[in-house]
């Protein structure tokens, strides 16, 4: 069964990058080595993988990636820190 990963990278400028892949090690290597000069992370290296979640269904992974991309920083940080219980309260304090 194929696995898909939604991941969050912490960039050197302290911004977050969220993506999806079917090979987390390869994709992190591609970001870290700057294989794509047009990628958001290219000028923000070095990077740190701070979160990843695996999915068996690509559609669920895509939906989760899109959801995270719409979140504000506080919600992303709660996710990165493993504070899933804070997400509902953070959603109520401001629009995502």
C-alpha atoms as a PDB file:
ATOM      1  CA  UNK A   1       0.000   0.000   0.000  1.00  0.00           C
ATOM      2  CA  UNK A   2       1.352   3.384  -0.975  1.00  0.00           C
ATOM      3  CA  UNK A   3       1.925   6.024   1.692  1.00  0.00           C
ATOM      4  CA  UNK A   4       1.735   9.772   1.372  1.00  0.00           C
ATOM      5  CA  UNK A   5       3.178  12.310   3.754  1.00  0.00           C
ATOM      6  CA  UNK A   6       2.143  15.826   4.629  1.00  0.00           C
ATOM      7  CA  UNK A   7       5.135  17.632   6.041  1.00  0.00           C
ATOM      8  CA  UNK A   8       6.131  20.988   7.476  1.00  0.00           C
ATOM      9  CA  UNK A   9       9.597  22.459   7.120  1.00  0.00           C
ATOM     10  CA  UNK A  10      10.978  25.246   9.281  1.00  0.00           C
ATOM     11  CA  UNK A  11      12.983  27.563   7.050  1.00  0.00           C
ATOM     12  CA  UNK A  12      16.050  29.566   8.057  1.00  0.00           C
ATOM     13  CA  UNK A  13      13.942  32.762   8.042  1.00  0.00           C
ATOM     14  CA  UNK A  14      11.587  31.087  10.586  1.00  0.00           C
ATOM     15  CA  UNK A  15       8.770  30.712   8.055  1.00  0.00           C
ATOM     16  CA  UNK A  16       7.016  27.400   7.500  1.00  0.00           C
ATOM     17  CA  UNK A  17       6.635  25.456   4.287  1.00  0.00           C
ATOM     18  CA  UNK A  18       3.976  22.748   3.982  1.00  0.00           C
ATOM     19  CA  UNK A  19       4.038  20.085   1.314  1.00  0.00           C
ATOM     20  CA  UNK A  20       3.003  16.579   0.325  1.00  0.00           C
ATOM     21  CA  UNK A  21       5.087  13.683  -0.995  1.00  0.00           C
ATOM     22  CA  UNK A  22       5.189   9.918  -1.293  1.00  0.00           C
ATOM     23  CA  UNK A  23       8.858   9.816  -0.225  1.00  0.00           C
ATOM     24  CA  UNK A  24       9.672  12.089   2.705  1.00  0.00           C
ATOM     25  CA  UNK A  25      13.432  11.418   2.745  1.00  0.00           C
ATOM     26  CA  UNK A  26      13.835  12.126  -0.968  1.00  0.00           C
ATOM     27  CA  UNK A  27      11.668  15.230  -0.869  1.00  0.00           C
ATOM     28  CA  UNK A  28      13.495  16.701   2.132  1.00  0.00           C
ATOM     29  CA  UNK A  29      16.808  16.069   0.368  1.00  0.00           C
ATOM     30  CA  UNK A  30      15.502  17.878  -2.734  1.00  0.00           C
ATOM     31  CA  UNK A  31      14.471  20.888  -0.636  1.00  0.00           C
ATOM     32  CA  UNK A  32      17.695  20.913   1.375  1.00  0.00           C
ATOM     33  CA  UNK A  33      19.966  20.724  -1.664  1.00  0.00           C
ATOM     34  CA  UNK A  34      18.008  23.335  -3.606  1.00  0.00           C
ATOM     35  CA  UNK A  35      17.172  21.215  -6.631  1.00  0.00           C
ATOM     36  CA  UNK A  36      14.473  23.679  -7.732  1.00  0.00           C
ATOM     37  CA  UNK A  37      15.615  27.334  -7.735  1.00  0.00           C
ATOM     38  CA  UNK A  38      11.963  28.398  -8.103  1.00  0.00           C
ATOM     39  CA  UNK A  39      10.854  26.630  -4.924  1.00  0.00           C
ATOM     40  CA  UNK A  40       9.820  28.682  -1.870  1.00  0.00           C
ATOM     41  CA  UNK A  41      12.478  26.969   0.227  1.00  0.00           C
ATOM     42  CA  UNK A  42      15.373  27.572  -2.172  1.00  0.00           C
ATOM     43  CA  UNK A  43      16.536  30.874  -0.632  1.00  0.00           C
ATOM     44  CA  UNK A  44      15.432  29.873   2.866  1.00  0.00           C
ATOM     45  CA  UNK A  45      17.878  27.021   3.466  1.00  0.00           C
ATOM     46  CA  UNK A  46      18.965  25.355   5.674  1.00  0.00           C
ATOM     47  CA  UNK A  47      15.683  23.679   6.524  1.00  0.00           C
ATOM     48  CA  UNK A  48      14.456  21.521   9.349  1.00  0.00           C
ATOM     49  CA  UNK A  49      11.725  18.895   9.070  1.00  0.00           C
ATOM     50  CA  UNK A  50       9.503  19.699  12.055  1.00  0.00           C
ATOM     51  CA  UNK A  51       6.349  17.694  11.321  1.00  0.00           C
ATOM     52  CA  UNK A  52       5.071  14.880   9.163  1.00  0.00           C
ATOM     53  CA  UNK A  53       1.952  12.767   9.105  1.00  0.00           C
ATOM     54  CA  UNK A  54       1.383   9.705   6.939  1.00  0.00           C
ATOM     55  CA  UNK A  55      -1.741   8.815   4.978  1.00  0.00           C
ATOM     56  CA  UNK A  56      -2.779   5.792   2.940  1.00  0.00           C
ATOM     57  CA  UNK A  57      -5.239   7.852   0.892  1.00  0.00           C
ATOM     58  CA  UNK A  58      -3.761  10.552  -1.343  1.00  0.00           C
ATOM     59  CA  UNK A  59      -6.996  12.549  -1.244  1.00  0.00           C
ATOM     60  CA  UNK A  60      -6.912  12.735   2.549  1.00  0.00           C
ATOM     61  CA  UNK A  61      -3.282  13.846   2.403  1.00  0.00           C
ATOM     62  CA  UNK A  62      -4.068  16.559  -0.143  1.00  0.00           C
ATOM     63  CA  UNK A  63      -6.999  17.791   1.942  1.00  0.00           C
ATOM     64  CA  UNK A  64      -4.848  17.943   5.101  1.00  0.00           C
ATOM     65  CA  UNK A  65      -2.068  19.795   3.271  1.00  0.00           C
ATOM     66  CA  UNK A  66      -4.544  22.378   1.979  1.00  0.00           C
ATOM     67  CA  UNK A  67      -6.052  22.738   5.443  1.00  0.00           C
ATOM     68  CA  UNK A  68      -2.655  23.400   7.045  1.00  0.00           C
ATOM     69  CA  UNK A  69      -1.688  25.877   4.317  1.00  0.00           C
ATOM     70  CA  UNK A  70      -4.756  27.908   5.265  1.00  0.00           C
ATOM     71  CA  UNK A  71      -3.842  28.054   8.947  1.00  0.00           C
ATOM     72  CA  UNK A  72      -2.185  30.947  10.664  1.00  0.00           C
ATOM     73  CA  UNK A  73       1.169  30.472  12.355  1.00  0.00           C
ATOM     74  CA  UNK A  74      -0.166  29.731  15.874  1.00  0.00           C
ATOM     75  CA  UNK A  75      -2.107  26.709  14.645  1.00  0.00           C
ATOM     76  CA  UNK A  76       0.873  25.414  12.669  1.00  0.00           C
ATOM     77  CA  UNK A  77       3.080  25.762  15.738  1.00  0.00           C
ATOM     78  CA  UNK A  78       0.557  23.878  17.890  1.00  0.00           C
ATOM     79  CA  UNK A  79       0.606  21.073  15.327  1.00  0.00           C
ATOM     80  CA  UNK A  80       4.413  21.046  15.179  1.00  0.00           C
ATOM     81  CA  UNK A  81       4.585  20.965  18.989  1.00  0.00           C
ATOM     82  CA  UNK A  82       2.120  18.065  19.138  1.00  0.00           C
ATOM     83  CA  UNK A  83      -0.490  20.191  20.907  1.00  0.00           C
ATOM     84  CA  UNK A  84      -3.428  18.881  18.855  1.00  0.00           C
ATOM     85  CA  UNK A  85      -5.790  19.681  21.741  1.00  0.00           C
ATOM     86  CA  UNK A  86      -5.127  23.416  21.233  1.00  0.00           C
ATOM     87  CA  UNK A  87      -6.295  23.450  17.611  1.00  0.00           C
ATOM     88  CA  UNK A  88     -10.043  23.883  18.302  1.00  0.00           C
ATOM     89  CA  UNK A  89      -9.418  26.831  20.657  1.00  0.00           C
ATOM     90  CA  UNK A  90      -7.005  28.446  18.210  1.00  0.00           C
ATOM     91  CA  UNK A  91      -9.576  28.079  15.456  1.00  0.00           C
ATOM     92  CA  UNK A  92     -12.098  29.998  17.579  1.00  0.00           C
ATOM     93  CA  UNK A  93      -9.753  32.860  18.486  1.00  0.00           C
ATOM     94  CA  UNK A  94      -9.356  34.041  14.904  1.00  0.00           C
ATOM     95  CA  UNK A  95     -10.145  32.946  11.424  1.00  0.00           C
ATOM     96  CA  UNK A  96      -7.772  30.001  10.985  1.00  0.00           C
END
